[in-house]
Amino acid sequence: QGQYTSGASSIAQKAAEAAYNGSQECVAEMCAAFR
């Protein structure tokens, strides 16, 4: 990856960090809608 794209978007990474560290209630709500 270091040779053809390097690191992923800095801003998107910080958003993903919040996704993993924050409340997971949104995940359950979306899954219920998909069901």
Full PDB file with SEQRES, HELIX, SHEET, SSBOND, CRYST1, ORIGX, SCALE, CONECT and MASTER records, all heavy atoms in Angstrom:
SEQRES   1 A   35  GLN GLY GLN TYR THR SER GLY ALA SER SER ILE ALA GLN          
SEQRES   2 A   35  LYS ALA ALA GLU ALA ALA TYR ASN GLY SER GLN GLU CYS          
SEQRES   3 A   35  VAL ALA GLU MET CYS ALA ALA PHE ARG                          
HELIX    1 AA1 SER A   10  ASN A   21  1                                  12    
HELIX    2 AA2 GLU A   25  PHE A   34  1                                  10    
CRYST1    1.000    1.000    1.000  90.00  90.00  90.00 P 1           1          
ORIGX1      1.000000  0.000000  0.000000        0.00000                         
ORIGX2      0.000000  1.000000  0.000000        0.00000                         
ORIGX3      0.000000  0.000000  1.000000        0.00000                         
SCALE1      1.000000  0.000000  0.000000        0.00000                         
SCALE2      0.000000  1.000000  0.000000        0.00000                         
SCALE3      0.000000  0.000000  1.000000        0.00000                         
ATOM      1  N   GLN A   1       0.821  -1.202   0.000  1.00  0.00           N  
ATOM      2  CA  GLN A   1       0.000   0.000   0.000  1.00  0.00           C  
ATOM      3  C   GLN A   1       0.860   1.259   0.000  1.00  0.00           C  
ATOM      4  O   GLN A   1       0.500   2.276  -0.595  1.00  0.00           O  
ATOM      5  CB  GLN A   1      -0.941  -0.014   1.221  1.00  0.00           C  
ATOM      6  CG  GLN A   1      -1.927   1.139   1.229  1.00  0.00           C  
ATOM      7  CD  GLN A   1      -3.050   0.935   2.226  1.00  0.00           C  
ATOM      8  OE1 GLN A   1      -3.872   0.036   2.071  1.00  0.00           O  
ATOM      9  NE2 GLN A   1      -3.094   1.766   3.260  1.00  0.00           N  
ATOM     10  N   GLY A   2       2.022   1.175   0.640  1.00  0.00           N  
ATOM     11  CA  GLY A   2       2.934   2.314   0.673  1.00  0.00           C  
ATOM     12  C   GLY A   2       3.439   2.716  -0.693  1.00  0.00           C  
ATOM     13  O   GLY A   2       3.831   3.866  -0.919  1.00  0.00           O  
ATOM     14  N   GLN A   3       3.402   1.784  -1.635  1.00  0.00           N  
ATOM     15  CA  GLN A   3       3.887   2.087  -2.975  1.00  0.00           C  
ATOM     16  C   GLN A   3       2.802   2.568  -3.915  1.00  0.00           C  
ATOM     17  O   GLN A   3       3.103   3.157  -4.945  1.00  0.00           O  
ATOM     18  CB  GLN A   3       4.570   0.854  -3.580  1.00  0.00           C  
ATOM     19  CG  GLN A   3       5.899   0.496  -2.934  1.00  0.00           C  
ATOM     20  CD  GLN A   3       6.974   1.550  -3.162  1.00  0.00           C  
ATOM     21  OE1 GLN A   3       6.744   2.583  -3.778  1.00  0.00           O  
ATOM     22  NE2 GLN A   3       8.169   1.293  -2.658  1.00  0.00           N  
ATOM     23  N   TYR A   4       1.517   2.284  -3.601  1.00  0.00           N  
ATOM     24  CA  TYR A   4       0.537   2.694  -4.615  1.00  0.00           C  
ATOM     25  C   TYR A   4      -0.620   3.553  -4.145  1.00  0.00           C  
ATOM     26  O   TYR A   4      -1.255   4.169  -4.985  1.00  0.00           O  
ATOM     27  CB  TYR A   4       0.077   1.507  -5.470  1.00  0.00           C  
ATOM     28  CG  TYR A   4      -1.004   0.612  -4.922  1.00  0.00           C  
ATOM     29  CD1 TYR A   4      -2.255   0.555  -5.543  1.00  0.00           C  
ATOM     30  CD2 TYR A   4      -0.787  -0.222  -3.839  1.00  0.00           C  
ATOM     31  CE1 TYR A   4      -3.237  -0.289  -5.090  1.00  0.00           C  
ATOM     32  CE2 TYR A   4      -1.767  -1.073  -3.381  1.00  0.00           C  
ATOM     33  CZ  TYR A   4      -2.992  -1.102  -4.008  1.00  0.00           C  
ATOM     34  OH  TYR A   4      -3.970  -1.952  -3.549  1.00  0.00           O  
ATOM     35  N   THR A   5      -0.895   3.667  -2.867  1.00  0.00           N  
ATOM     36  CA  THR A   5      -1.858   4.694  -2.435  1.00  0.00           C  
ATOM     37  C   THR A   5      -1.409   5.428  -1.181  1.00  0.00           C  
ATOM     38  O   THR A   5      -1.911   6.506  -0.886  1.00  0.00           O  
ATOM     39  CB  THR A   5      -3.270   4.131  -2.147  1.00  0.00           C  
ATOM     40  OG1 THR A   5      -3.177   3.198  -1.071  1.00  0.00           O  
ATOM     41  CG2 THR A   5      -3.873   3.476  -3.366  1.00  0.00           C  
ATOM     42  N   SER A   6      -0.502   4.842  -0.414  1.00  0.00           N  
ATOM     43  CA  SER A   6      -0.148   5.357   0.921  1.00  0.00           C  
ATOM     44  C   SER A   6      -1.364   5.295   1.834  1.00  0.00           C  
ATOM     45  O   SER A   6      -2.283   4.509   1.615  1.00  0.00           O  
ATOM     46  CB  SER A   6       0.425   6.772   0.823  1.00  0.00           C  
ATOM     47  OG  SER A   6       1.619   6.763   0.062  1.00  0.00           O  
ATOM     48  N   GLY A   7      -1.386   6.147   2.870  1.00  0.00           N  
ATOM     49  CA  GLY A   7      -2.435   6.060   3.870  1.00  0.00           C  
ATOM     50  C   GLY A   7      -3.780   6.540   3.369  1.00  0.00           C  
ATOM     51  O   GLY A   7      -3.875   7.355   2.448  1.00  0.00           O  
ATOM     52  N   ALA A   8      -4.839   6.033   4.012  1.00  0.00           N  
ATOM     53  CA  ALA A   8      -6.196   6.453   3.673  1.00  0.00           C  
ATOM     54  C   ALA A   8      -6.448   7.877   4.168  1.00  0.00           C  
ATOM     55  O   ALA A   8      -5.663   8.429   4.944  1.00  0.00           O  
ATOM     56  CB  ALA A   8      -7.201   5.484   4.297  1.00  0.00           C  
ATOM     57  N   SER A   9      -7.537   8.467   3.734  1.00  0.00           N  
ATOM     58  CA  SER A   9      -7.903   9.843   4.082  1.00  0.00           C  
ATOM     59  C   SER A   9      -7.819  10.092   5.589  1.00  0.00           C  
ATOM     60  O   SER A   9      -8.409   9.353   6.382  1.00  0.00           O  
ATOM     61  CB  SER A   9      -9.330  10.129   3.609  1.00  0.00           C  
ATOM     62  OG  SER A   9      -9.884  11.237   4.288  1.00  0.00           O  
ATOM     63  N   SER A  10      -7.123  11.132   5.943  1.00  0.00           N  
ATOM     64  CA  SER A  10      -6.946  11.467   7.358  1.00  0.00           C  
ATOM     65  C   SER A  10      -8.288  11.775   8.030  1.00  0.00           C  
ATOM     66  O   SER A  10      -8.559  11.315   9.152  1.00  0.00           O  
ATOM     67  CB  SER A  10      -6.002  12.661   7.494  1.00  0.00           C  
ATOM     68  OG  SER A  10      -6.489  13.766   6.742  1.00  0.00           O  
ATOM     69  N   ILE A  11      -9.137  12.539   7.351  1.00  0.00           N  
ATOM     70  CA  ILE A  11     -10.422  12.934   7.930  1.00  0.00           C  
ATOM     71  C   ILE A  11     -11.339  11.716   8.075  1.00  0.00           C  
ATOM     72  O   ILE A  11     -12.003  11.527   9.105  1.00  0.00           O  
ATOM     73  CB  ILE A  11     -11.109  14.016   7.064  1.00  0.00           C  
ATOM     74  CG1 ILE A  11     -10.166  15.207   6.837  1.00  0.00           C  
ATOM     75  CG2 ILE A  11     -12.420  14.456   7.685  1.00  0.00           C  
ATOM     76  CD1 ILE A  11      -9.620  15.844   8.092  1.00  0.00           C  
ATOM     77  N   ALA A  12     -11.374  10.872   7.050  1.00  0.00           N  
ATOM     78  CA  ALA A  12     -12.215   9.679   7.101  1.00  0.00           C  
ATOM     79  C   ALA A  12     -11.749   8.733   8.210  1.00  0.00           C  
ATOM     80  O   ALA A  12     -12.574   8.074   8.861  1.00  0.00           O  
ATOM     81  CB  ALA A  12     -12.199   8.962   5.747  1.00  0.00           C  
ATOM     82  N   GLN A  13     -10.437   8.667   8.438  1.00  0.00           N  
ATOM     83  CA  GLN A  13      -9.939   7.815   9.526  1.00  0.00           C  
ATOM     84  C   GLN A  13     -10.430   8.292  10.885  1.00  0.00           C  
ATOM     85  O   GLN A  13     -10.802   7.484  11.750  1.00  0.00           O  
ATOM     86  CB  GLN A  13      -8.414   7.781   9.517  1.00  0.00           C  
ATOM     87  CG  GLN A  13      -7.821   6.935   8.411  1.00  0.00           C  
ATOM     88  CD  GLN A  13      -6.340   6.687   8.651  1.00  0.00           C  
ATOM     89  OE1 GLN A  13      -5.948   6.139   9.673  1.00  0.00           O  
ATOM     90  NE2 GLN A  13      -5.516   7.106   7.702  1.00  0.00           N  
ATOM     91  N   LYS A  14     -10.437   9.598  11.099  1.00  0.00           N  
ATOM     92  CA  LYS A  14     -10.905  10.124  12.382  1.00  0.00           C  
ATOM     93  C   LYS A  14     -12.409   9.884  12.540  1.00  0.00           C  
ATOM     94  O   LYS A  14     -12.902   9.648  13.647  1.00  0.00           O  
ATOM     95  CB  LYS A  14     -10.570  11.609  12.521  1.00  0.00           C  
ATOM     96  CG  LYS A  14      -9.089  11.942  12.472  1.00  0.00           C  
ATOM     97  CD  LYS A  14      -8.256  11.117  13.436  1.00  0.00           C  
ATOM     98  CE  LYS A  14      -8.402  11.558  14.885  1.00  0.00           C  
ATOM     99  NZ  LYS A  14      -7.475  10.798  15.778  1.00  0.00           N  
ATOM    100  N   ALA A  15     -13.145   9.937  11.440  1.00  0.00           N  
ATOM    101  CA  ALA A  15     -14.567   9.604  11.493  1.00  0.00           C  
ATOM    102  C   ALA A  15     -14.756   8.127  11.857  1.00  0.00           C  
ATOM    103  O   ALA A  15     -15.612   7.778  12.684  1.00  0.00           O  
ATOM    104  CB  ALA A  15     -15.219   9.906  10.146  1.00  0.00           C  
ATOM    105  N   ALA A  16     -13.956   7.250  11.253  1.00  0.00           N  
ATOM    106  CA  ALA A  16     -14.054   5.817  11.542  1.00  0.00           C  
ATOM    107  C   ALA A  16     -13.710   5.525  12.999  1.00  0.00           C  
ATOM    108  O   ALA A  16     -14.321   4.653  13.640  1.00  0.00           O  
ATOM    109  CB  ALA A  16     -13.127   5.036  10.612  1.00  0.00           C  
ATOM    110  N   GLU A  17     -12.755   6.237  13.517  1.00  0.00           N  
ATOM    111  CA  GLU A  17     -12.384   6.072  14.930  1.00  0.00           C  
ATOM    112  C   GLU A  17     -13.586   6.357  15.832  1.00  0.00           C  
ATOM    113  O   GLU A  17     -13.873   5.618  16.778  1.00  0.00           O  
ATOM    114  CB  GLU A  17     -11.232   7.028  15.239  1.00  0.00           C  
ATOM    115  CG  GLU A  17     -10.531   6.775  16.543  1.00  0.00           C  
ATOM    116  CD  GLU A  17      -9.378   7.764  16.733  1.00  0.00           C  
ATOM    117  OE1 GLU A  17      -8.646   8.043  15.757  1.00  0.00           O  
ATOM    118  OE2 GLU A  17      -9.229   8.262  17.865  1.00  0.00           O  
ATOM    119  N   ALA A  18     -14.317   7.430  15.512  1.00  0.00           N  
ATOM    120  CA  ALA A  18     -15.522   7.759  16.284  1.00  0.00           C  
ATOM    121  C   ALA A  18     -16.589   6.677  16.126  1.00  0.00           C  
ATOM    122  O   ALA A  18     -17.331   6.375  17.075  1.00  0.00           O  
ATOM    123  CB  ALA A  18     -16.070   9.113  15.835  1.00  0.00           C  
ATOM    124  N   ALA A  19     -16.668   6.085  14.933  1.00  0.00           N  
ATOM    125  CA  ALA A  19     -17.643   5.012  14.710  1.00  0.00           C  
ATOM    126  C   ALA A  19     -17.363   3.836  15.641  1.00  0.00           C  
ATOM    127  O   ALA A  19     -18.272   3.301  16.282  1.00  0.00           O  
ATOM    128  CB  ALA A  19     -17.603   4.562  13.250  1.00  0.00           C  
ATOM    129  N   TYR A  20     -16.107   3.440  15.739  1.00  0.00           N  
ATOM    130  CA  TYR A  20     -15.763   2.279  16.562  1.00  0.00           C  
ATOM    131  C   TYR A  20     -15.810   2.584  18.056  1.00  0.00           C  
ATOM    132  O   TYR A  20     -16.176   1.718  18.848  1.00  0.00           O  
ATOM    133  CB  TYR A  20     -14.387   1.739  16.173  1.00  0.00           C  
ATOM    134  CG  TYR A  20     -14.390   1.014  14.855  1.00  0.00           C  
ATOM    135  CD1 TYR A  20     -13.564   1.404  13.801  1.00  0.00           C  
ATOM    136  CD2 TYR A  20     -15.240  -0.071  14.638  1.00  0.00           C  
ATOM    137  CE1 TYR A  20     -13.588   0.740  12.583  1.00  0.00           C  
ATOM    138  CE2 TYR A  20     -15.270  -0.744  13.424  1.00  0.00           C  
ATOM    139  CZ  TYR A  20     -14.440  -0.328  12.402  1.00  0.00           C  
ATOM    140  OH  TYR A  20     -14.473  -1.002  11.197  1.00  0.00           O  
ATOM    141  N   ASN A  21     -15.448   3.798  18.431  1.00  0.00           N  
ATOM    142  CA  ASN A  21     -15.372   4.134  19.859  1.00  0.00           C  
ATOM    143  C   ASN A  21     -16.694   4.644  20.435  1.00  0.00           C  
ATOM    144  O   ASN A  21     -16.869   4.668  21.654  1.00  0.00           O  
ATOM    145  CB  ASN A  21     -14.290   5.195  20.104  1.00  0.00           C  
ATOM    146  CG  ASN A  21     -12.884   4.626  19.964  1.00  0.00           C  
ATOM    147  OD1 ASN A  21     -12.686   3.415  20.087  1.00  0.00           O  
ATOM    148  ND2 ASN A  21     -11.915   5.488  19.695  1.00  0.00           N  
ATOM    149  N   GLY A  22     -17.613   5.068  19.577  1.00  0.00           N  
ATOM    150  CA  GLY A  22     -18.855   5.685  20.044  1.00  0.00           C  
ATOM    151  C   GLY A  22     -19.961   4.681  20.298  1.00  0.00           C  
ATOM    152  O   GLY A  22     -19.760   3.458  20.274  1.00  0.00           O  
ATOM    153  N   SER A  23     -21.154   5.207  20.532  1.00  0.00           N  
ATOM    154  CA  SER A  23     -22.334   4.379  20.752  1.00  0.00           C  
ATOM    155  C   SER A  23     -22.614   3.518  19.518  1.00  0.00           C  
ATOM    156  O   SER A  23     -22.483   3.981  18.387  1.00  0.00           O  
ATOM    157  CB  SER A  23     -23.544   5.272  21.036  1.00  0.00           C  
ATOM    158  OG  SER A  23     -24.736   4.522  20.957  1.00  0.00           O  
ATOM    159  N   GLN A  24     -23.008   2.282  19.771  1.00  0.00           N  
ATOM    160  CA  GLN A  24     -23.334   1.361  18.673  1.00  0.00           C  
ATOM    161  C   GLN A  24     -24.851   1.272  18.435  1.00  0.00           C  
ATOM    162  O   GLN A  24     -25.323   0.419  17.679  1.00  0.00           O  
ATOM    163  CB  GLN A  24     -22.763  -0.022  18.976  1.00  0.00           C  
ATOM    164  CG  GLN A  24     -21.254  -0.036  19.172  1.00  0.00           C  
ATOM    165  CD  GLN A  24     -20.494   0.506  17.967  1.00  0.00           C  
ATOM    166  OE1 GLN A  24     -20.575  -0.049  16.878  1.00  0.00           O  
ATOM    167  NE2 GLN A  24     -19.741   1.578  18.160  1.00  0.00           N  
ATOM    168  N   GLU A  25     -25.599   2.169  19.056  1.00  0.00           N  
ATOM    169  CA  GLU A  25     -27.051   2.151  18.919  1.00  0.00           C  
ATOM    170  C   GLU A  25     -27.477   2.339  17.465  1.00  0.00           C  
ATOM    171  O   GLU A  25     -28.437   1.720  16.992  1.00  0.00           O  
ATOM    172  CB  GLU A  25     -27.652   3.269  19.786  1.00  0.00           C  
ATOM    173  CG  GLU A  25     -29.153   3.166  19.974  1.00  0.00           C  
ATOM    174  CD  GLU A  25     -29.686   4.241  20.919  1.00  0.00           C  
ATOM    175  OE1 GLU A  25     -28.958   4.658  21.827  1.00  0.00           O  
ATOM    176  OE2 GLU A  25     -30.836   4.664  20.703  1.00  0.00           O  
ATOM    177  N   CYS A  26     -26.736   3.180  16.728  1.00  0.00           N  
ATOM    178  CA  CYS A  26     -27.083   3.430  15.319  1.00  0.00           C  
ATOM    179  C   CYS A  26     -26.978   2.159  14.489  1.00  0.00           C  
ATOM    180  O   CYS A  26     -27.768   1.947  13.555  1.00  0.00           O  
ATOM    181  CB  CYS A  26     -26.182   4.524  14.743  1.00  0.00           C  
ATOM    182  SG  CYS A  26     -24.402   4.166  14.841  1.00  0.00           S  
ATOM    183  N   VAL A  27     -26.028   1.312  14.829  1.00  0.00           N  
ATOM    184  CA  VAL A  27     -25.838   0.057  14.092  1.00  0.00           C  
ATOM    185  C   VAL A  27     -27.063  -0.840  14.274  1.00  0.00           C  
ATOM    186  O   VAL A  27     -27.597  -1.404  13.311  1.00  0.00           O  
ATOM    187  CB  VAL A  27     -24.558  -0.660  14.564  1.00  0.00           C  
ATOM    188  CG1 VAL A  27     -24.401  -2.005  13.864  1.00  0.00           C  
ATOM    189  CG2 VAL A  27     -23.334   0.219  14.333  1.00  0.00           C  
ATOM    190  N   ALA A  28     -27.511  -0.953  15.517  1.00  0.00           N  
ATOM    191  CA  ALA A  28     -28.682  -1.788  15.807  1.00  0.00           C  
ATOM    192  C   ALA A  28     -29.935  -1.243  15.129  1.00  0.00           C  
ATOM    193  O   ALA A  28     -30.762  -2.009  14.614  1.00  0.00           O  
ATOM    194  CB  ALA A  28     -28.886  -1.870  17.320  1.00  0.00           C  
ATOM    195  N   GLU A  29     -30.078   0.085  15.115  1.00  0.00           N  
ATOM    196  CA  GLU A  29     -31.265   0.696  14.487  1.00  0.00           C  
ATOM    197  C   GLU A  29     -31.293   0.415  12.985  1.00  0.00           C  
ATOM    198  O   GLU A  29     -32.345   0.094  12.424  1.00  0.00           O  
ATOM    199  CB  GLU A  29     -31.268   2.206  14.748  1.00  0.00           C  
ATOM    200  CG  GLU A  29     -31.596   2.573  16.192  1.00  0.00           C  
ATOM    201  CD  GLU A  29     -31.414   4.049  16.477  1.00  0.00           C  
ATOM    202  OE1 GLU A  29     -30.960   4.789  15.558  1.00  0.00           O  
ATOM    203  OE2 GLU A  29     -31.714   4.470  17.597  1.00  0.00           O  
ATOM    204  N   MET A  30     -30.144   0.549  12.329  1.00  0.00           N  
ATOM    205  CA  MET A  30     -30.102   0.298  10.889  1.00  0.00           C  
ATOM    206  C   MET A  30     -30.348  -1.173  10.590  1.00  0.00           C  
ATOM    207  O   MET A  30     -31.054  -1.517   9.633  1.00  0.00           O  
ATOM    208  CB  MET A  30     -28.772   0.786  10.304  1.00  0.00           C  
ATOM    209  CG  MET A  30     -28.693   2.297  10.200  1.00  0.00           C  
ATOM    210  SD  MET A  30     -27.242   2.927   9.319  1.00  0.00           S  
ATOM    211  CE  MET A  30     -26.026   3.005  10.634  1.00  0.00           C  
ATOM    212  N   CYS A  31     -29.798  -2.056  11.419  1.00  0.00           N  
ATOM    213  CA  CYS A  31     -30.004  -3.488  11.203  1.00  0.00           C  
ATOM    214  C   CYS A  31     -31.490  -3.838  11.329  1.00  0.00           C  
ATOM    215  O   CYS A  31     -32.018  -4.632  10.547  1.00  0.00           O  
ATOM    216  CB  CYS A  31     -29.176  -4.293  12.200  1.00  0.00           C  
ATOM    217  SG  CYS A  31     -29.284  -6.077  11.935  1.00  0.00           S  
ATOM    218  N   ALA A  32     -32.161  -3.228  12.303  1.00  0.00           N  
ATOM    219  CA  ALA A  32     -33.595  -3.486  12.479  1.00  0.00           C  
ATOM    220  C   ALA A  32     -34.381  -3.041  11.249  1.00  0.00           C  
ATOM    221  O   ALA A  32     -35.328  -3.717  10.814  1.00  0.00           O  
ATOM    222  CB  ALA A  32     -34.104  -2.771  13.734  1.00  0.00           C  
ATOM    223  N   ALA A  33     -33.998  -1.906  10.667  1.00  0.00           N  
ATOM    224  CA  ALA A  33     -34.670  -1.430   9.455  1.00  0.00           C  
ATOM    225  C   ALA A  33     -34.421  -2.374   8.289  1.00  0.00           C  
ATOM    226  O   ALA A  33     -35.341  -2.693   7.513  1.00  0.00           O  
ATOM    227  CB  ALA A  33     -34.187  -0.022   9.108  1.00  0.00           C  
ATOM    228  N   PHE A  34     -33.186  -2.871   8.159  1.00  0.00           N  
ATOM    229  CA  PHE A  34     -32.883  -3.812   7.074  1.00  0.00           C  
ATOM    230  C   PHE A  34     -33.677  -5.110   7.248  1.00  0.00           C  
ATOM    231  O   PHE A  34     -34.133  -5.707   6.270  1.00  0.00           O  
ATOM    232  CB  PHE A  34     -31.384  -4.112   7.024  1.00  0.00           C  
ATOM    233  CG  PHE A  34     -30.557  -2.993   6.467  1.00  0.00           C  
ATOM    234  CD1 PHE A  34     -29.418  -2.541   7.135  1.00  0.00           C  
ATOM    235  CD2 PHE A  34     -30.878  -2.380   5.272  1.00  0.00           C  
ATOM    236  CE1 PHE A  34     -28.644  -1.509   6.628  1.00  0.00           C  
ATOM    237  CE2 PHE A  34     -30.115  -1.351   4.745  1.00  0.00           C  
ATOM    238  CZ  PHE A  34     -28.994  -0.923   5.435  1.00  0.00           C  
ATOM    239  N   ARG A  35     -33.827  -5.544   8.483  1.00  0.00           N  
ATOM    240  CA  ARG A  35     -34.589  -6.771   8.724  1.00  0.00           C  
ATOM    241  C   ARG A  35     -36.048  -6.584   8.296  1.00  0.00           C  
ATOM    242  O   ARG A  35     -36.646  -7.477   7.680  1.00  0.00           O  
ATOM    243  CB  ARG A  35     -34.514  -7.153  10.206  1.00  0.00           C  
ATOM    244  CG  ARG A  35     -35.248  -8.444  10.509  1.00  0.00           C  
ATOM    245  CD  ARG A  35     -35.061  -8.887  11.946  1.00  0.00           C  
ATOM    246  NE  ARG A  35     -35.503 -10.260  12.101  1.00  0.00           N  
ATOM    247  CZ  ARG A  35     -34.941 -11.150  12.887  1.00  0.00           C  
ATOM    248  NH1 ARG A  35     -33.886 -10.823  13.595  1.00  0.00           N  
ATOM    249  NH2 ARG A  35     -35.416 -12.375  12.983  1.00  0.00           N  
TER     250      ARG A  35                                                      
MASTER        0    0    0    2    0    0    0    6  249    1    0    3          
END                                                                             
